Amino acid sequence: MIETTTPPRRFARVLACALACGLVAALVPLRAGTAADARELRPTLRVRPVLCIAEREAKPCETLFRIDWKSARPGDFCLGSDRQAAPLRCWSAASAGEHDDVTIVTRDFEYWLAAPNDSRRLTAVRVELLYLRSEDRRRQRRSRHVWDVL
């Protein structure tokens, strides 16, 4: 059986450092409203899917987007989209919400959360439109014969 122990000097240094760090942390007053606090209080927004895939550039992509959000504190929030000026839905004194949005996507856009009557976005999620170009890929690939290696 092999025993591993921390040498006494090293342990003493680690303990002294931990105590010093703890004392320093206790002496530094915590300020309310720091940037870290603001990030923690910012609501989180989730959109599924975040990619809309169309077969060709002439065809738009039609899909159902499931949107949900959560906040650490209850508040008034509105869900918006770059596709229209009016909010999709608003919640009052809520800490979470859900919304389903069926839409035809013709370009990239964002869903976002904001306070009512406020243009500043609290959080946003970008939805991208991708096109499949299967015929282009076949033209770019060169067919090779088995004996091409020689």
N, C-alpha and C. Protein backbone atom coordinates (compact mmCIF):
# COMPACT_ATOMS: atom_id res chain seq x y z
N MET A 1 0.84 -1.18 0.00
CA MET A 1 0.00 0.00 0.00
C MET A 1 0.89 1.24 0.00
N ILE A 2 0.59 2.12 -0.94
CA ILE A 2 1.38 3.35 -1.06
C ILE A 2 0.61 4.48 -0.41
N GLU A 3 1.26 5.18 0.50
CA GLU A 3 0.61 6.30 1.17
C GLU A 3 1.13 7.59 0.55
N THR A 4 0.19 8.46 0.26
CA THR A 4 0.58 9.78 -0.23
C THR A 4 0.12 10.79 0.80
N THR A 5 1.04 11.55 1.27
CA THR A 5 0.71 12.59 2.24
C THR A 5 1.29 13.89 1.75
N THR A 6 0.69 14.94 2.15
CA THR A 6 1.19 16.26 1.80
C THR A 6 2.27 16.64 2.81
N PRO A 7 3.42 17.06 2.34
CA PRO A 7 4.47 17.47 3.27
C PRO A 7 3.95 18.58 4.19
N PRO A 8 4.38 18.61 5.44
CA PRO A 8 3.87 19.59 6.40
C PRO A 8 4.09 21.03 5.96
N ARG A 9 5.21 21.33 5.37
CA ARG A 9 5.49 22.72 4.95
C ARG A 9 4.52 23.14 3.84
N ARG A 10 4.36 22.25 2.89
CA ARG A 10 3.47 22.59 1.77
C ARG A 10 2.04 22.77 2.27
N PHE A 11 1.60 21.89 3.14
CA PHE A 11 0.26 21.99 3.71
C PHE A 11 0.10 23.31 4.47
N ALA A 12 1.12 23.69 5.21
CA ALA A 12 1.07 24.94 5.97
C ALA A 12 0.96 26.14 5.03
N ARG A 13 1.72 26.10 3.93
CA ARG A 13 1.65 27.20 2.96
C ARG A 13 0.28 27.28 2.30
N VAL A 14 -0.28 26.12 1.92
CA VAL A 14 -1.60 26.08 1.29
C VAL A 14 -2.65 26.58 2.26
N LEU A 15 -2.56 26.16 3.52
CA LEU A 15 -3.50 26.59 4.55
C LEU A 15 -3.39 28.09 4.78
N ALA A 16 -2.16 28.59 4.85
CA ALA A 16 -1.95 30.03 5.06
C ALA A 16 -2.52 30.82 3.89
N CYS A 17 -2.31 30.33 2.68
CA CYS A 17 -2.83 31.02 1.50
C CYS A 17 -4.35 31.01 1.50
N ALA A 18 -4.94 29.87 1.83
CA ALA A 18 -6.40 29.77 1.86
C ALA A 18 -6.98 30.70 2.91
N LEU A 19 -6.35 30.76 4.07
CA LEU A 19 -6.83 31.67 5.12
C LEU A 19 -6.69 33.12 4.69
N ALA A 20 -5.54 33.44 4.09
CA ALA A 20 -5.32 34.81 3.64
C ALA A 20 -6.33 35.20 2.57
N CYS A 21 -6.56 34.30 1.62
CA CYS A 21 -7.54 34.57 0.56
C CYS A 21 -8.93 34.72 1.14
N GLY A 22 -9.26 33.87 2.11
CA GLY A 22 -10.56 33.94 2.75
C GLY A 22 -10.73 35.23 3.51
N LEU A 23 -9.68 35.65 4.21
CA LEU A 23 -9.75 36.90 4.95
C LEU A 23 -9.85 38.09 4.02
N VAL A 24 -9.10 38.06 2.94
CA VAL A 24 -9.17 39.14 1.97
C VAL A 24 -10.55 39.20 1.35
N ALA A 25 -11.11 38.04 1.01
CA ALA A 25 -12.45 38.01 0.42
C ALA A 25 -13.48 38.52 1.41
N ALA A 26 -13.28 38.23 2.70
CA ALA A 26 -14.24 38.70 3.71
C ALA A 26 -14.11 40.19 3.93
N LEU A 27 -12.91 40.74 3.74
CA LEU A 27 -12.70 42.17 3.96
C LEU A 27 -13.16 43.03 2.79
N VAL A 28 -13.20 42.47 1.60
CA VAL A 28 -13.63 43.22 0.42
C VAL A 28 -15.14 43.26 0.40
N PRO A 29 -15.75 44.45 0.47
CA PRO A 29 -17.21 44.51 0.48
C PRO A 29 -17.77 44.15 -0.89
N LEU A 30 -18.89 43.44 -0.87
CA LEU A 30 -19.55 43.07 -2.12
C LEU A 30 -20.41 44.23 -2.57
N ARG A 31 -20.31 44.56 -3.84
CA ARG A 31 -21.11 45.66 -4.38
C ARG A 31 -22.30 45.08 -5.11
N ALA A 32 -23.46 45.66 -4.88
CA ALA A 32 -24.66 45.24 -5.60
C ALA A 32 -24.64 45.87 -6.99
N GLY A 33 -25.16 45.13 -7.95
CA GLY A 33 -25.27 45.68 -9.30
C GLY A 33 -24.01 45.54 -10.13
N THR A 34 -23.16 44.59 -9.84
CA THR A 34 -21.97 44.39 -10.65
C THR A 34 -22.36 43.73 -11.97
N ALA A 35 -21.41 43.64 -12.88
CA ALA A 35 -21.68 43.03 -14.19
C ALA A 35 -22.04 41.56 -14.04
N ALA A 36 -21.40 40.86 -13.10
CA ALA A 36 -21.73 39.45 -12.89
C ALA A 36 -23.16 39.30 -12.40
N ASP A 37 -23.60 40.19 -11.52
CA ASP A 37 -24.98 40.16 -11.05
C ASP A 37 -25.95 40.40 -12.20
N ALA A 38 -25.62 41.32 -13.08
CA ALA A 38 -26.49 41.62 -14.21
C ALA A 38 -26.62 40.42 -15.14
N ARG A 39 -25.51 39.68 -15.34
CA ARG A 39 -25.56 38.49 -16.20
C ARG A 39 -26.44 37.41 -15.57
N GLU A 40 -26.34 37.28 -14.25
CA GLU A 40 -27.15 36.27 -13.57
C GLU A 40 -28.63 36.62 -13.62
N LEU A 41 -28.96 37.89 -13.59
CA LEU A 41 -30.36 38.31 -13.59
C LEU A 41 -30.94 38.39 -15.00
N ARG A 42 -30.08 38.39 -16.01
CA ARG A 42 -30.56 38.45 -17.39
C ARG A 42 -31.32 37.17 -17.72
N PRO A 43 -32.49 37.30 -18.35
CA PRO A 43 -33.25 36.09 -18.69
C PRO A 43 -32.51 35.27 -19.75
N THR A 44 -32.78 33.97 -19.75
CA THR A 44 -32.22 33.10 -20.78
C THR A 44 -33.31 32.74 -21.77
N LEU A 45 -32.97 32.76 -23.03
CA LEU A 45 -33.91 32.50 -24.12
C LEU A 45 -33.42 31.29 -24.90
N ARG A 46 -34.34 30.36 -25.19
CA ARG A 46 -33.99 29.17 -25.97
C ARG A 46 -34.97 29.04 -27.13
N VAL A 47 -34.44 28.86 -28.32
CA VAL A 47 -35.25 28.69 -29.54
C VAL A 47 -34.83 27.38 -30.17
N ARG A 48 -35.82 26.57 -30.54
CA ARG A 48 -35.55 25.31 -31.23
C ARG A 48 -36.43 25.23 -32.45
N PRO A 49 -35.96 24.95 -33.61
CA PRO A 49 -34.55 24.83 -34.03
C PRO A 49 -33.95 26.21 -34.27
N VAL A 50 -32.63 26.28 -34.36
CA VAL A 50 -31.96 27.54 -34.67
C VAL A 50 -31.50 27.56 -36.13
N LEU A 51 -31.71 26.46 -36.83
CA LEU A 51 -31.41 26.38 -38.27
C LEU A 51 -32.66 25.99 -39.02
N CYS A 52 -32.91 26.68 -40.11
CA CYS A 52 -34.02 26.33 -40.99
C CYS A 52 -33.39 25.97 -42.33
N ILE A 53 -33.67 24.77 -42.82
CA ILE A 53 -33.00 24.28 -44.02
C ILE A 53 -34.00 24.18 -45.16
N ALA A 54 -33.70 24.87 -46.27
CA ALA A 54 -34.53 24.84 -47.46
C ALA A 54 -33.80 24.07 -48.56
N GLU A 55 -34.59 23.43 -49.44
CA GLU A 55 -33.97 22.63 -50.51
C GLU A 55 -33.26 23.49 -51.54
N ARG A 56 -33.92 24.53 -51.98
CA ARG A 56 -33.35 25.41 -53.01
C ARG A 56 -33.53 26.85 -52.58
N GLU A 57 -32.78 27.73 -53.20
CA GLU A 57 -32.88 29.15 -52.86
C GLU A 57 -34.23 29.73 -53.22
N ALA A 58 -34.92 29.17 -54.19
CA ALA A 58 -36.23 29.68 -54.59
C ALA A 58 -37.32 29.30 -53.60
N LYS A 59 -37.08 28.25 -52.80
CA LYS A 59 -38.09 27.79 -51.85
C LYS A 59 -37.77 28.31 -50.45
N PRO A 60 -38.74 28.94 -49.79
CA PRO A 60 -38.52 29.33 -48.39
C PRO A 60 -38.66 28.13 -47.47
N CYS A 61 -38.29 28.32 -46.24
CA CYS A 61 -38.36 27.27 -45.23
C CYS A 61 -39.52 27.59 -44.30
N GLU A 62 -40.45 26.67 -44.16
CA GLU A 62 -41.57 26.85 -43.24
C GLU A 62 -41.39 25.88 -42.09
N THR A 63 -41.43 26.40 -40.86
CA THR A 63 -41.22 25.53 -39.71
C THR A 63 -41.88 26.09 -38.46
N LEU A 64 -41.98 25.24 -37.45
CA LEU A 64 -42.51 25.61 -36.15
C LEU A 64 -41.33 25.84 -35.21
N PHE A 65 -41.26 27.04 -34.64
CA PHE A 65 -40.22 27.36 -33.67
C PHE A 65 -40.82 27.30 -32.27
N ARG A 66 -40.16 26.54 -31.40
CA ARG A 66 -40.56 26.46 -29.99
C ARG A 66 -39.62 27.36 -29.20
N ILE A 67 -40.20 28.33 -28.53
CA ILE A 67 -39.42 29.34 -27.84
C ILE A 67 -39.78 29.28 -26.36
N ASP A 68 -38.77 29.22 -25.50
CA ASP A 68 -39.03 29.32 -24.07
C ASP A 68 -37.96 30.17 -23.42
N TRP A 69 -38.30 30.76 -22.31
CA TRP A 69 -37.38 31.63 -21.59
C TRP A 69 -37.57 31.47 -20.10
N LYS A 70 -36.52 31.83 -19.34
CA LYS A 70 -36.55 31.80 -17.87
C LYS A 70 -35.82 33.01 -17.35
N SER A 71 -36.24 33.46 -16.17
CA SER A 71 -35.59 34.59 -15.51
C SER A 71 -35.44 34.28 -14.03
N ALA A 72 -34.37 34.78 -13.42
CA ALA A 72 -34.15 34.56 -12.00
C ALA A 72 -35.19 35.31 -11.16
N ARG A 73 -35.67 36.42 -11.67
CA ARG A 73 -36.66 37.22 -10.96
C ARG A 73 -37.88 37.44 -11.85
N PRO A 74 -39.07 37.44 -11.26
CA PRO A 74 -40.27 37.74 -12.05
C PRO A 74 -40.22 39.17 -12.58
N GLY A 75 -40.79 39.36 -13.75
CA GLY A 75 -40.83 40.69 -14.34
C GLY A 75 -41.75 40.71 -15.54
N ASP A 76 -41.82 41.87 -16.19
CA ASP A 76 -42.61 42.05 -17.40
C ASP A 76 -41.68 41.90 -18.60
N PHE A 77 -42.00 40.96 -19.48
CA PHE A 77 -41.16 40.67 -20.63
C PHE A 77 -42.01 40.56 -21.89
N CYS A 78 -41.43 40.95 -23.02
CA CYS A 78 -42.08 40.78 -24.32
C CYS A 78 -41.13 40.04 -25.25
N LEU A 79 -41.68 39.08 -25.98
CA LEU A 79 -40.93 38.32 -26.98
C LEU A 79 -41.12 39.01 -28.32
N GLY A 80 -40.02 39.32 -28.97
CA GLY A 80 -40.09 39.98 -30.26
C GLY A 80 -39.31 39.23 -31.31
N SER A 81 -39.46 39.69 -32.54
CA SER A 81 -38.77 39.09 -33.67
C SER A 81 -38.41 40.18 -34.66
N ASP A 82 -37.31 39.96 -35.39
CA ASP A 82 -36.91 40.92 -36.43
C ASP A 82 -37.90 40.94 -37.59
N ARG A 83 -38.75 39.92 -37.68
CA ARG A 83 -39.66 39.82 -38.82
C ARG A 83 -40.87 40.75 -38.70
N GLN A 84 -41.19 41.23 -37.50
CA GLN A 84 -42.34 42.13 -37.35
C GLN A 84 -42.08 43.13 -36.25
N ALA A 85 -42.75 44.27 -36.34
CA ALA A 85 -42.52 45.36 -35.39
C ALA A 85 -43.20 45.11 -34.04
N ALA A 86 -44.39 44.55 -34.06
CA ALA A 86 -45.14 44.31 -32.81
C ALA A 86 -44.60 43.08 -32.10
N PRO A 87 -44.65 43.07 -30.76
CA PRO A 87 -44.20 41.87 -30.03
C PRO A 87 -45.06 40.66 -30.36
N LEU A 88 -44.44 39.48 -30.34
CA LEU A 88 -45.18 38.24 -30.58
C LEU A 88 -46.08 37.92 -29.39
N ARG A 89 -45.54 38.16 -28.17
CA ARG A 89 -46.30 37.89 -26.95
C ARG A 89 -45.63 38.61 -25.78
N CYS A 90 -46.44 39.01 -24.80
CA CYS A 90 -45.92 39.66 -23.59
C CYS A 90 -46.41 38.92 -22.36
N TRP A 91 -45.58 38.93 -21.31
CA TRP A 91 -45.92 38.32 -20.03
C TRP A 91 -45.78 39.38 -18.95
N SER A 92 -46.65 39.31 -17.95
CA SER A 92 -46.61 40.26 -16.84
C SER A 92 -46.31 39.51 -15.54
N ALA A 93 -45.36 40.01 -14.76
CA ALA A 93 -44.93 39.41 -13.49
C ALA A 93 -44.66 37.92 -13.63
N ALA A 94 -43.91 37.55 -14.66
CA ALA A 94 -43.61 36.14 -14.94
C ALA A 94 -42.10 35.90 -14.83
N SER A 95 -41.74 34.68 -14.46
CA SER A 95 -40.32 34.31 -14.42
C SER A 95 -39.97 33.27 -15.48
N ALA A 96 -40.99 32.83 -16.25
CA ALA A 96 -40.75 31.88 -17.35
C ALA A 96 -41.92 31.98 -18.32
N GLY A 97 -41.67 31.55 -19.54
CA GLY A 97 -42.73 31.56 -20.54
C GLY A 97 -42.39 30.70 -21.74
N GLU A 98 -43.43 30.35 -22.49
CA GLU A 98 -43.27 29.54 -23.70
C GLU A 98 -44.12 30.14 -24.81
N HIS A 99 -43.67 29.91 -26.05
CA HIS A 99 -44.43 30.39 -27.21
C HIS A 99 -44.06 29.53 -28.41
N ASP A 100 -45.04 29.18 -29.22
CA ASP A 100 -44.80 28.47 -30.48
C ASP A 100 -45.08 29.44 -31.62
N ASP A 101 -44.18 29.47 -32.59
CA ASP A 101 -44.31 30.40 -33.71
C ASP A 101 -44.11 29.63 -35.02
N VAL A 102 -45.16 29.54 -35.83
CA VAL A 102 -45.07 28.93 -37.15
C VAL A 102 -44.79 30.06 -38.13
N THR A 103 -43.72 29.92 -38.89
CA THR A 103 -43.35 31.01 -39.79
C THR A 103 -42.66 30.48 -41.05
N ILE A 104 -42.68 31.29 -42.06
CA ILE A 104 -41.97 31.02 -43.31
C ILE A 104 -40.71 31.87 -43.29
N VAL A 105 -39.58 31.23 -43.31
CA VAL A 105 -38.30 31.92 -43.19
C VAL A 105 -37.73 32.16 -44.58
N THR A 106 -37.42 33.43 -44.86
CA THR A 106 -36.81 33.79 -46.15
C THR A 106 -35.41 34.38 -45.97
N ARG A 107 -35.04 34.67 -44.72
CA ARG A 107 -33.71 35.21 -44.41
C ARG A 107 -33.41 34.98 -42.93
N ASP A 108 -32.14 35.17 -42.53
CA ASP A 108 -31.77 35.05 -41.12
C ASP A 108 -32.50 36.11 -40.30
N PHE A 109 -32.82 35.78 -39.05
CA PHE A 109 -33.48 36.75 -38.17
C PHE A 109 -33.22 36.37 -36.72
N GLU A 110 -33.69 37.20 -35.78
CA GLU A 110 -33.51 36.96 -34.36
C GLU A 110 -34.83 37.00 -33.61
N TYR A 111 -34.93 36.15 -32.60
CA TYR A 111 -35.97 36.27 -31.58
C TYR A 111 -35.29 36.93 -30.39
N TRP A 112 -36.01 37.78 -29.66
CA TRP A 112 -35.40 38.48 -28.54
C TRP A 112 -36.43 38.77 -27.45
N LEU A 113 -35.92 38.97 -26.24
CA LEU A 113 -36.73 39.37 -25.09
C LEU A 113 -36.37 40.79 -24.70
N ALA A 114 -37.38 41.57 -24.36
CA ALA A 114 -37.17 42.95 -23.91
C ALA A 114 -38.27 43.30 -22.92
N ALA A 115 -38.04 44.36 -22.19
CA ALA A 115 -39.08 44.88 -21.30
C ALA A 115 -40.12 45.59 -22.17
N PRO A 116 -41.39 45.61 -21.77
CA PRO A 116 -42.40 46.31 -22.56
C PRO A 116 -42.03 47.78 -22.72
N ASN A 117 -42.29 48.32 -23.87
CA ASN A 117 -42.02 49.73 -24.20
C ASN A 117 -40.54 50.10 -24.06
N ASP A 118 -39.66 49.13 -24.27
CA ASP A 118 -38.22 49.37 -24.22
C ASP A 118 -37.59 48.70 -25.43
N SER A 119 -36.78 49.43 -26.15
CA SER A 119 -36.19 48.89 -27.38
C SER A 119 -34.92 48.08 -27.11
N ARG A 120 -34.37 48.17 -25.89
CA ARG A 120 -33.15 47.42 -25.57
C ARG A 120 -33.46 45.94 -25.39
N ARG A 121 -32.71 45.10 -26.07
CA ARG A 121 -32.89 43.65 -25.99
C ARG A 121 -32.14 43.11 -24.79
N LEU A 122 -32.83 42.34 -23.97
CA LEU A 122 -32.20 41.72 -22.81
C LEU A 122 -31.39 40.50 -23.22
N THR A 123 -31.92 39.75 -24.17
CA THR A 123 -31.24 38.57 -24.71
C THR A 123 -31.82 38.28 -26.09
N ALA A 124 -31.04 37.62 -26.93
CA ALA A 124 -31.49 37.32 -28.30
C ALA A 124 -30.89 36.00 -28.78
N VAL A 125 -31.61 35.35 -29.70
CA VAL A 125 -31.14 34.12 -30.33
C VAL A 125 -31.32 34.28 -31.84
N ARG A 126 -30.26 33.98 -32.58
CA ARG A 126 -30.29 34.11 -34.04
C ARG A 126 -30.72 32.80 -34.69
N VAL A 127 -31.65 32.90 -35.66
CA VAL A 127 -32.10 31.76 -36.45
C VAL A 127 -31.52 31.95 -37.85
N GLU A 128 -30.85 30.91 -38.36
CA GLU A 128 -30.20 31.00 -39.66
C GLU A 128 -30.92 30.15 -40.69
N LEU A 129 -30.93 30.64 -41.91
CA LEU A 129 -31.51 29.93 -43.05
C LEU A 129 -30.38 29.35 -43.88
N LEU A 130 -30.44 28.03 -44.10
CA LEU A 130 -29.44 27.35 -44.91
C LEU A 130 -30.11 26.70 -46.11
N TYR A 131 -29.40 26.66 -47.21
CA TYR A 131 -29.90 26.02 -48.42
C TYR A 131 -29.09 24.77 -48.74
N LEU A 132 -29.79 23.72 -49.16
CA LEU A 132 -29.12 22.52 -49.63
C LEU A 132 -28.84 22.69 -51.11
N ARG A 133 -27.64 22.44 -51.49
CA ARG A 133 -27.26 22.54 -52.90
C ARG A 133 -26.67 21.21 -53.32
N SER A 134 -27.48 20.18 -53.29
CA SER A 134 -26.97 18.83 -53.55
C SER A 134 -26.41 18.71 -54.96
N GLU A 135 -27.06 19.33 -55.94
CA GLU A 135 -26.56 19.21 -57.31
C GLU A 135 -25.22 19.92 -57.46
N ASP A 136 -25.00 21.01 -56.72
CA ASP A 136 -23.71 21.70 -56.78
C ASP A 136 -22.60 20.82 -56.21
N ARG A 137 -22.87 20.10 -55.14
CA ARG A 137 -21.85 19.25 -54.54
C ARG A 137 -21.44 18.12 -55.49
N ARG A 138 -22.40 17.59 -56.23
CA ARG A 138 -22.07 16.51 -57.16
C ARG A 138 -21.18 17.01 -58.29
N ARG A 139 -21.40 18.24 -58.72
CA ARG A 139 -20.57 18.78 -59.80
C ARG A 139 -19.16 19.08 -59.31
N GLN A 140 -19.02 19.49 -58.07
CA GLN A 140 -17.71 19.83 -57.54
C GLN A 140 -16.87 18.60 -57.27
N ARG A 141 -17.48 17.48 -56.95
CA ARG A 141 -16.73 16.26 -56.69
C ARG A 141 -16.29 15.62 -57.99
N ARG A 142 -15.06 15.29 -58.07
CA ARG A 142 -14.54 14.65 -59.26
C ARG A 142 -14.57 13.15 -59.04
N SER A 143 -15.13 12.43 -59.98
CA SER A 143 -15.15 10.96 -59.83
C SER A 143 -13.75 10.44 -60.13
N ARG A 144 -13.37 9.42 -59.40
CA ARG A 144 -12.04 8.84 -59.55
C ARG A 144 -12.15 7.37 -59.87
N HIS A 145 -11.25 6.93 -60.64
CA HIS A 145 -11.17 5.51 -60.96
C HIS A 145 -10.29 4.83 -59.93
N VAL A 146 -10.46 3.55 -59.75
CA VAL A 146 -9.69 2.78 -58.78
C VAL A 146 -8.21 2.89 -59.05
N TRP A 147 -7.82 2.93 -60.33
CA TRP A 147 -6.40 2.95 -60.68
C TRP A 147 -5.82 4.38 -60.68
N ASP A 148 -6.59 5.38 -60.25
CA ASP A 148 -6.11 6.76 -60.22
C ASP A 148 -4.95 6.97 -59.23
N VAL A 149 -4.83 6.13 -58.27
CA VAL A 149 -3.78 6.28 -57.27
C VAL A 149 -2.40 6.05 -57.88
N LEU A 150 -2.33 5.30 -58.92
CA LEU A 150 -1.03 4.97 -59.52
C LEU A 150 -0.51 6.01 -60.40
